[in-house]
Amino acid sequence: MIEFSLRIDSRITRTVTPLIIKCFSECGKVSPVFPKVDEQDTDLVEAWVESLKEDLAQDRQSLARLLNNPKFAHGFIEVNENEAEYILRAITEIRLHIREAKLQSLTDVELETGNFTLPKKSQSAQSHYLAYLVLAEVQEGLIAEMV
């Protein structure tokens, strides 16, 4: 079992957890886009796409278990070691969704460095940025524990 506490104030995690869950739900409503394969064997391509869909479902189920754990909202992370990689991938999906759909007002440099004035951004951008940061902190903590 991987266990650690986030370095973010638990008031922030309690505030943004419902938003993270909402973004997670939004991601589930969008059909995944897989790269085009220049392959003549349609059976092979179909099997590959089905395998990717199964992997994605497993990633999302693992993350759902983490998000539904009441401790998550208080900044405590408990993850089965076997699920850590799945959760990393699922969090990446959500962070990309937040980046593309909710944080268009931030440049990539601003987003990655935090070099901007948060109060000057819209309330929605502020909330989504904090959700993005919490998810990044979870990823960093998982990676540190896996090494």
N, C-alpha and C. Protein backbone atom coordinates (compact mmCIF):
# COMPACT_ATOMS: atom_id res chain seq x y z
N MET A 1 0.85 -1.18 0.00
CA MET A 1 0.00 0.00 0.00
C MET A 1 0.90 1.24 0.00
N ILE A 2 0.58 2.15 -0.86
CA ILE A 2 1.28 3.44 -0.90
C ILE A 2 0.42 4.43 -0.12
N GLU A 3 1.03 5.10 0.84
CA GLU A 3 0.32 6.07 1.66
C GLU A 3 1.20 7.31 1.83
N PHE A 4 0.60 8.47 1.65
CA PHE A 4 1.30 9.73 1.91
C PHE A 4 0.27 10.85 2.04
N SER A 5 0.73 11.96 2.56
CA SER A 5 -0.12 13.15 2.70
C SER A 5 0.33 14.19 1.69
N LEU A 6 -0.63 14.88 1.14
CA LEU A 6 -0.31 15.97 0.23
C LEU A 6 0.27 17.14 1.01
N ARG A 7 1.11 17.92 0.38
CA ARG A 7 1.71 19.09 1.02
C ARG A 7 0.83 20.32 0.85
N ILE A 8 -0.35 20.12 0.35
CA ILE A 8 -1.31 21.20 0.12
C ILE A 8 -2.26 21.26 1.31
N ASP A 9 -2.63 22.45 1.71
CA ASP A 9 -3.56 22.65 2.82
C ASP A 9 -4.84 21.85 2.56
N SER A 10 -5.29 21.12 3.56
CA SER A 10 -6.47 20.27 3.39
C SER A 10 -7.74 21.07 3.09
N ARG A 11 -7.75 22.35 3.42
CA ARG A 11 -8.91 23.17 3.07
C ARG A 11 -9.01 23.29 1.55
N ILE A 12 -7.87 23.34 0.88
CA ILE A 12 -7.88 23.40 -0.59
C ILE A 12 -8.34 22.08 -1.17
N THR A 13 -7.81 20.96 -0.64
CA THR A 13 -8.22 19.67 -1.20
C THR A 13 -9.70 19.42 -0.96
N ARG A 14 -10.22 19.80 0.21
CA ARG A 14 -11.66 19.63 0.46
C ARG A 14 -12.48 20.48 -0.50
N THR A 15 -11.98 21.66 -0.83
CA THR A 15 -12.71 22.56 -1.72
C THR A 15 -12.70 22.07 -3.17
N VAL A 16 -11.56 21.57 -3.64
CA VAL A 16 -11.47 21.21 -5.05
C VAL A 16 -11.82 19.75 -5.35
N THR A 17 -11.95 18.91 -4.34
CA THR A 17 -12.28 17.50 -4.60
C THR A 17 -13.58 17.36 -5.41
N PRO A 18 -14.67 18.06 -5.08
CA PRO A 18 -15.87 17.93 -5.92
C PRO A 18 -15.62 18.38 -7.37
N LEU A 19 -14.78 19.37 -7.56
CA LEU A 19 -14.45 19.84 -8.91
C LEU A 19 -13.63 18.78 -9.65
N ILE A 20 -12.70 18.14 -8.97
CA ILE A 20 -11.91 17.07 -9.58
C ILE A 20 -12.84 15.93 -10.00
N ILE A 21 -13.77 15.58 -9.13
CA ILE A 21 -14.72 14.50 -9.45
C ILE A 21 -15.59 14.90 -10.64
N LYS A 22 -15.99 16.15 -10.70
CA LYS A 22 -16.79 16.63 -11.84
C LYS A 22 -15.98 16.54 -13.13
N CYS A 23 -14.72 16.95 -13.09
CA CYS A 23 -13.87 16.87 -14.28
C CYS A 23 -13.63 15.42 -14.68
N PHE A 24 -13.48 14.55 -13.69
CA PHE A 24 -13.33 13.12 -13.95
C PHE A 24 -14.56 12.59 -14.68
N SER A 25 -15.73 13.01 -14.23
CA SER A 25 -16.98 12.61 -14.87
C SER A 25 -17.07 13.14 -16.30
N GLU A 26 -16.66 14.39 -16.49
CA GLU A 26 -16.68 14.97 -17.84
C GLU A 26 -15.78 14.19 -18.79
N CYS A 27 -14.61 13.76 -18.30
CA CYS A 27 -13.70 12.98 -19.14
C CYS A 27 -14.35 11.68 -19.59
N GLY A 28 -15.13 11.09 -18.70
CA GLY A 28 -15.78 9.81 -19.02
C GLY A 28 -16.85 9.93 -20.08
N LYS A 29 -17.34 11.13 -20.31
CA LYS A 29 -18.40 11.34 -21.29
C LYS A 29 -17.85 11.59 -22.70
N VAL A 30 -16.54 11.78 -22.79
CA VAL A 30 -15.90 12.05 -24.07
C VAL A 30 -15.28 10.75 -24.58
N SER A 31 -15.57 10.42 -25.82
CA SER A 31 -14.99 9.21 -26.40
C SER A 31 -13.49 9.42 -26.57
N PRO A 32 -12.71 8.43 -26.15
CA PRO A 32 -11.25 8.57 -26.30
C PRO A 32 -10.85 8.56 -27.77
N VAL A 33 -9.82 9.32 -28.07
CA VAL A 33 -9.29 9.37 -29.43
C VAL A 33 -7.95 8.66 -29.43
N PHE A 34 -7.86 7.62 -30.22
CA PHE A 34 -6.63 6.87 -30.32
C PHE A 34 -5.94 7.20 -31.64
N PRO A 35 -4.64 7.10 -31.67
CA PRO A 35 -3.92 7.42 -32.91
C PRO A 35 -4.33 6.49 -34.04
N LYS A 36 -4.31 7.04 -35.24
CA LYS A 36 -4.61 6.23 -36.43
C LYS A 36 -3.45 5.30 -36.70
N VAL A 37 -3.79 4.10 -37.07
CA VAL A 37 -2.77 3.10 -37.37
C VAL A 37 -2.85 2.76 -38.85
N ASP A 38 -1.73 2.85 -39.51
CA ASP A 38 -1.68 2.51 -40.93
C ASP A 38 -1.44 1.01 -41.04
N GLU A 39 -2.50 0.28 -40.80
CA GLU A 39 -2.40 -1.17 -40.76
C GLU A 39 -3.52 -1.76 -41.61
N GLN A 40 -3.17 -2.71 -42.43
CA GLN A 40 -4.16 -3.34 -43.32
C GLN A 40 -4.99 -4.39 -42.58
N ASP A 41 -4.46 -4.94 -41.50
CA ASP A 41 -5.13 -6.00 -40.77
C ASP A 41 -6.16 -5.37 -39.82
N THR A 42 -7.40 -5.30 -40.27
CA THR A 42 -8.45 -4.64 -39.47
C THR A 42 -8.70 -5.37 -38.15
N ASP A 43 -8.56 -6.69 -38.15
CA ASP A 43 -8.75 -7.44 -36.90
C ASP A 43 -7.71 -7.03 -35.86
N LEU A 44 -6.47 -6.85 -36.32
CA LEU A 44 -5.40 -6.42 -35.43
C LEU A 44 -5.68 -5.03 -34.87
N VAL A 45 -6.11 -4.13 -35.72
CA VAL A 45 -6.41 -2.76 -35.29
C VAL A 45 -7.57 -2.77 -34.30
N GLU A 46 -8.62 -3.53 -34.58
CA GLU A 46 -9.77 -3.60 -33.67
C GLU A 46 -9.36 -4.17 -32.31
N ALA A 47 -8.54 -5.20 -32.32
CA ALA A 47 -8.07 -5.80 -31.07
C ALA A 47 -7.23 -4.80 -30.28
N TRP A 48 -6.39 -4.04 -30.99
CA TRP A 48 -5.54 -3.04 -30.34
C TRP A 48 -6.39 -1.96 -29.69
N VAL A 49 -7.39 -1.46 -30.43
CA VAL A 49 -8.26 -0.41 -29.91
C VAL A 49 -9.05 -0.94 -28.71
N GLU A 50 -9.55 -2.14 -28.78
CA GLU A 50 -10.28 -2.73 -27.65
C GLU A 50 -9.38 -2.85 -26.42
N SER A 51 -8.13 -3.24 -26.64
CA SER A 51 -7.17 -3.35 -25.55
C SER A 51 -6.93 -1.98 -24.90
N LEU A 52 -6.80 -0.94 -25.72
CA LEU A 52 -6.62 0.41 -25.19
C LEU A 52 -7.84 0.85 -24.38
N LYS A 53 -9.03 0.53 -24.87
CA LYS A 53 -10.25 0.89 -24.15
C LYS A 53 -10.33 0.17 -22.80
N GLU A 54 -9.93 -1.09 -22.77
CA GLU A 54 -9.93 -1.84 -21.52
C GLU A 54 -8.92 -1.24 -20.53
N ASP A 55 -7.75 -0.87 -21.04
CA ASP A 55 -6.75 -0.24 -20.18
C ASP A 55 -7.26 1.08 -19.62
N LEU A 56 -7.91 1.86 -20.46
CA LEU A 56 -8.46 3.14 -20.03
C LEU A 56 -9.52 2.94 -18.95
N ALA A 57 -10.36 1.94 -19.13
CA ALA A 57 -11.40 1.65 -18.13
C ALA A 57 -10.76 1.24 -16.81
N GLN A 58 -9.72 0.44 -16.87
CA GLN A 58 -9.01 0.03 -15.65
C GLN A 58 -8.38 1.24 -14.96
N ASP A 59 -7.76 2.13 -15.74
CA ASP A 59 -7.17 3.35 -15.19
C ASP A 59 -8.23 4.16 -14.45
N ARG A 60 -9.37 4.33 -15.09
CA ARG A 60 -10.43 5.16 -14.52
C ARG A 60 -11.04 4.52 -13.27
N GLN A 61 -11.17 3.19 -13.26
CA GLN A 61 -11.70 2.51 -12.08
C GLN A 61 -10.77 2.68 -10.89
N SER A 62 -9.49 2.59 -11.16
CA SER A 62 -8.51 2.76 -10.07
C SER A 62 -8.57 4.17 -9.50
N LEU A 63 -8.66 5.16 -10.38
CA LEU A 63 -8.75 6.54 -9.91
C LEU A 63 -10.06 6.77 -9.16
N ALA A 64 -11.13 6.17 -9.63
CA ALA A 64 -12.43 6.33 -8.95
C ALA A 64 -12.33 5.83 -7.51
N ARG A 65 -11.62 4.73 -7.28
CA ARG A 65 -11.45 4.23 -5.92
C ARG A 65 -10.71 5.25 -5.06
N LEU A 66 -9.69 5.88 -5.62
CA LEU A 66 -8.94 6.90 -4.87
C LEU A 66 -9.84 8.09 -4.56
N LEU A 67 -10.54 8.60 -5.56
CA LEU A 67 -11.38 9.79 -5.37
C LEU A 67 -12.54 9.53 -4.42
N ASN A 68 -13.03 8.29 -4.38
CA ASN A 68 -14.16 7.96 -3.50
C ASN A 68 -13.73 7.66 -2.08
N ASN A 69 -12.44 7.56 -1.84
CA ASN A 69 -11.94 7.36 -0.49
C ASN A 69 -12.12 8.68 0.26
N PRO A 70 -12.86 8.68 1.37
CA PRO A 70 -13.10 9.94 2.10
C PRO A 70 -11.82 10.65 2.54
N LYS A 71 -10.73 9.92 2.67
CA LYS A 71 -9.47 10.52 3.10
C LYS A 71 -8.88 11.43 2.01
N PHE A 72 -9.23 11.16 0.75
CA PHE A 72 -8.66 11.95 -0.35
C PHE A 72 -8.96 13.44 -0.16
N ALA A 73 -10.19 13.76 0.17
CA ALA A 73 -10.57 15.18 0.33
C ALA A 73 -9.80 15.88 1.43
N HIS A 74 -9.20 15.11 2.33
CA HIS A 74 -8.41 15.68 3.42
C HIS A 74 -6.92 15.62 3.15
N GLY A 75 -6.57 15.24 1.92
CA GLY A 75 -5.17 15.25 1.53
C GLY A 75 -4.39 14.00 1.86
N PHE A 76 -5.08 12.93 2.22
CA PHE A 76 -4.41 11.66 2.52
C PHE A 76 -4.60 10.71 1.34
N ILE A 77 -3.52 10.20 0.83
CA ILE A 77 -3.55 9.34 -0.34
C ILE A 77 -3.25 7.91 0.09
N GLU A 78 -4.15 7.01 -0.25
CA GLU A 78 -3.95 5.58 -0.03
C GLU A 78 -4.23 4.87 -1.34
N VAL A 79 -3.20 4.20 -1.85
CA VAL A 79 -3.30 3.56 -3.16
C VAL A 79 -2.68 2.18 -3.09
N ASN A 80 -3.36 1.20 -3.62
CA ASN A 80 -2.77 -0.12 -3.76
C ASN A 80 -1.60 0.00 -4.74
N GLU A 81 -0.48 -0.57 -4.39
CA GLU A 81 0.72 -0.46 -5.25
C GLU A 81 0.44 -0.93 -6.67
N ASN A 82 -0.42 -1.92 -6.83
CA ASN A 82 -0.73 -2.45 -8.16
C ASN A 82 -1.52 -1.46 -9.02
N GLU A 83 -2.11 -0.46 -8.38
CA GLU A 83 -2.93 0.51 -9.11
C GLU A 83 -2.23 1.84 -9.37
N ALA A 84 -1.05 2.02 -8.84
CA ALA A 84 -0.39 3.33 -8.91
C ALA A 84 -0.21 3.79 -10.36
N GLU A 85 0.26 2.94 -11.24
CA GLU A 85 0.47 3.35 -12.64
C GLU A 85 -0.85 3.67 -13.33
N TYR A 86 -1.89 2.91 -13.00
CA TYR A 86 -3.20 3.19 -13.60
C TYR A 86 -3.68 4.57 -13.18
N ILE A 87 -3.49 4.88 -11.90
CA ILE A 87 -3.93 6.17 -11.37
C ILE A 87 -3.12 7.31 -12.00
N LEU A 88 -1.83 7.10 -12.18
CA LEU A 88 -1.01 8.13 -12.83
C LEU A 88 -1.56 8.45 -14.22
N ARG A 89 -1.89 7.41 -14.98
CA ARG A 89 -2.42 7.64 -16.34
C ARG A 89 -3.78 8.33 -16.30
N ALA A 90 -4.64 7.92 -15.38
CA ALA A 90 -5.97 8.53 -15.30
C ALA A 90 -5.89 9.99 -14.87
N ILE A 91 -4.98 10.30 -13.96
CA ILE A 91 -4.80 11.69 -13.56
C ILE A 91 -4.28 12.52 -14.73
N THR A 92 -3.41 11.94 -15.52
CA THR A 92 -2.93 12.66 -16.71
C THR A 92 -4.10 13.00 -17.62
N GLU A 93 -5.02 12.07 -17.78
CA GLU A 93 -6.20 12.32 -18.61
C GLU A 93 -6.99 13.52 -18.07
N ILE A 94 -7.22 13.55 -16.77
CA ILE A 94 -7.99 14.65 -16.18
C ILE A 94 -7.24 15.97 -16.29
N ARG A 95 -5.94 15.95 -16.03
CA ARG A 95 -5.17 17.19 -16.12
C ARG A 95 -5.18 17.73 -17.54
N LEU A 96 -5.07 16.86 -18.53
CA LEU A 96 -5.15 17.31 -19.92
C LEU A 96 -6.52 17.90 -20.21
N HIS A 97 -7.56 17.27 -19.69
CA HIS A 97 -8.91 17.79 -19.88
C HIS A 97 -9.04 19.18 -19.25
N ILE A 98 -8.57 19.31 -18.02
CA ILE A 98 -8.65 20.61 -17.35
C ILE A 98 -7.87 21.65 -18.15
N ARG A 99 -6.68 21.28 -18.59
CA ARG A 99 -5.84 22.21 -19.36
C ARG A 99 -6.55 22.68 -20.62
N GLU A 100 -7.10 21.73 -21.37
CA GLU A 100 -7.70 22.06 -22.67
C GLU A 100 -9.07 22.71 -22.56
N ALA A 101 -9.87 22.29 -21.57
CA ALA A 101 -11.25 22.75 -21.50
C ALA A 101 -11.49 23.88 -20.49
N LYS A 102 -10.64 23.99 -19.49
CA LYS A 102 -10.93 24.93 -18.40
C LYS A 102 -9.88 26.01 -18.18
N LEU A 103 -8.67 25.78 -18.67
CA LEU A 103 -7.59 26.74 -18.39
C LEU A 103 -7.01 27.35 -19.66
N GLN A 104 -7.87 27.62 -20.63
CA GLN A 104 -7.40 28.21 -21.88
C GLN A 104 -6.81 29.60 -21.68
N SER A 105 -7.20 30.27 -20.60
CA SER A 105 -6.70 31.63 -20.36
C SER A 105 -5.26 31.64 -19.86
N LEU A 106 -4.72 30.48 -19.53
CA LEU A 106 -3.33 30.40 -19.05
C LEU A 106 -2.44 29.85 -20.16
N THR A 107 -1.27 30.44 -20.29
CA THR A 107 -0.30 29.89 -21.24
C THR A 107 0.35 28.66 -20.61
N ASP A 108 1.01 27.87 -21.43
CA ASP A 108 1.71 26.70 -20.91
C ASP A 108 2.77 27.11 -19.89
N VAL A 109 3.46 28.19 -20.16
CA VAL A 109 4.50 28.66 -19.23
C VAL A 109 3.87 29.06 -17.90
N GLU A 110 2.78 29.80 -17.94
CA GLU A 110 2.10 30.19 -16.71
C GLU A 110 1.63 28.96 -15.94
N LEU A 111 1.08 28.02 -16.65
CA LEU A 111 0.53 26.83 -16.01
C LEU A 111 1.60 26.01 -15.32
N GLU A 112 2.72 25.84 -15.96
CA GLU A 112 3.78 25.00 -15.40
C GLU A 112 4.64 25.72 -14.36
N THR A 113 4.78 27.02 -14.47
CA THR A 113 5.63 27.74 -13.52
C THR A 113 4.83 28.40 -12.39
N GLY A 114 3.53 28.64 -12.63
CA GLY A 114 2.73 29.35 -11.64
C GLY A 114 3.07 30.84 -11.61
N ASN A 115 3.74 31.31 -12.64
CA ASN A 115 4.18 32.69 -12.69
C ASN A 115 3.08 33.58 -13.28
N PHE A 116 2.05 33.80 -12.49
CA PHE A 116 0.95 34.69 -12.85
C PHE A 116 0.23 35.07 -11.57
N THR A 117 -0.65 36.04 -11.65
CA THR A 117 -1.39 36.49 -10.47
C THR A 117 -2.74 35.79 -10.46
N LEU A 118 -2.89 34.82 -9.59
CA LEU A 118 -4.10 34.00 -9.54
C LEU A 118 -5.38 34.83 -9.34
N PRO A 119 -5.39 35.81 -8.42
CA PRO A 119 -6.62 36.58 -8.22
C PRO A 119 -7.09 37.36 -9.46
N LYS A 120 -6.20 37.57 -10.41
CA LYS A 120 -6.59 38.30 -11.63
C LYS A 120 -7.29 37.39 -12.64
N LYS A 121 -7.28 36.09 -12.39
CA LYS A 121 -7.95 35.14 -13.27
C LYS A 121 -9.39 34.98 -12.81
N SER A 122 -10.25 34.45 -13.70
CA SER A 122 -11.65 34.24 -13.35
C SER A 122 -11.75 33.24 -12.20
N GLN A 123 -12.88 33.26 -11.51
CA GLN A 123 -13.12 32.33 -10.41
C GLN A 123 -13.01 30.88 -10.90
N SER A 124 -13.55 30.62 -12.07
CA SER A 124 -13.48 29.26 -12.63
C SER A 124 -12.04 28.86 -12.90
N ALA A 125 -11.27 29.75 -13.49
CA ALA A 125 -9.86 29.44 -13.77
C ALA A 125 -9.08 29.22 -12.47
N GLN A 126 -9.39 30.02 -11.45
CA GLN A 126 -8.72 29.84 -10.16
C GLN A 126 -9.00 28.45 -9.58
N SER A 127 -10.26 28.07 -9.58
CA SER A 127 -10.66 26.77 -9.02
C SER A 127 -10.06 25.62 -9.81
N HIS A 128 -10.12 25.71 -11.12
CA HIS A 128 -9.57 24.64 -11.95
C HIS A 128 -8.05 24.58 -11.85
N TYR A 129 -7.42 25.71 -11.69
CA TYR A 129 -5.96 25.71 -11.51
C TYR A 129 -5.60 24.99 -10.21
N LEU A 130 -6.34 25.25 -9.15
CA LEU A 130 -6.07 24.57 -7.89
C LEU A 130 -6.31 23.06 -8.01
N ALA A 131 -7.35 22.68 -8.74
CA ALA A 131 -7.60 21.25 -8.98
C ALA A 131 -6.44 20.64 -9.75
N TYR A 132 -5.96 21.36 -10.75
CA TYR A 132 -4.82 20.92 -11.56
C TYR A 132 -3.59 20.72 -10.68
N LEU A 133 -3.37 21.64 -9.74
CA LEU A 133 -2.23 21.54 -8.83
C LEU A 133 -2.36 20.36 -7.87
N VAL A 134 -3.54 20.14 -7.34
CA VAL A 134 -3.75 19.01 -6.43
C VAL A 134 -3.45 17.71 -7.16
N LEU A 135 -3.95 17.59 -8.38
CA LEU A 135 -3.70 16.37 -9.16
C LEU A 135 -2.21 16.21 -9.46
N ALA A 136 -1.53 17.31 -9.74
CA ALA A 136 -0.09 17.25 -9.98
C ALA A 136 0.63 16.78 -8.72
N GLU A 137 0.20 17.26 -7.58
CA GLU A 137 0.80 16.85 -6.31
C GLU A 137 0.59 15.36 -6.05
N VAL A 138 -0.59 14.85 -6.39
CA VAL A 138 -0.84 13.41 -6.24
C VAL A 138 0.11 12.63 -7.15
N GLN A 139 0.24 13.08 -8.40
CA GLN A 139 1.15 12.39 -9.32
C GLN A 139 2.58 12.40 -8.80
N GLU A 140 3.05 13.55 -8.36
CA GLU A 140 4.41 13.65 -7.86
C GLU A 140 4.63 12.75 -6.65
N GLY A 141 3.65 12.72 -5.76
CA GLY A 141 3.76 11.87 -4.58
C GLY A 141 3.78 10.39 -4.93
N LEU A 142 2.94 10.00 -5.88
CA LEU A 142 2.94 8.60 -6.31
C LEU A 142 4.27 8.20 -6.94
N ILE A 143 4.77 9.06 -7.80
CA ILE A 143 6.04 8.77 -8.46
C ILE A 143 7.16 8.65 -7.42
N ALA A 144 7.18 9.55 -6.46
CA ALA A 144 8.21 9.51 -5.42
C ALA A 144 8.13 8.21 -4.61
N GLU A 145 6.92 7.76 -4.34
CA GLU A 145 6.74 6.54 -3.56
C GLU A 145 7.06 5.28 -4.38
N MET A 146 6.92 5.37 -5.69
CA MET A 146 7.15 4.21 -6.55
C MET A 146 8.62 3.99 -6.82
N VAL A 147 9.43 5.02 -6.67
CA VAL A 147 10.86 4.92 -7.00
C VAL A 147 11.62 4.16 -5.94
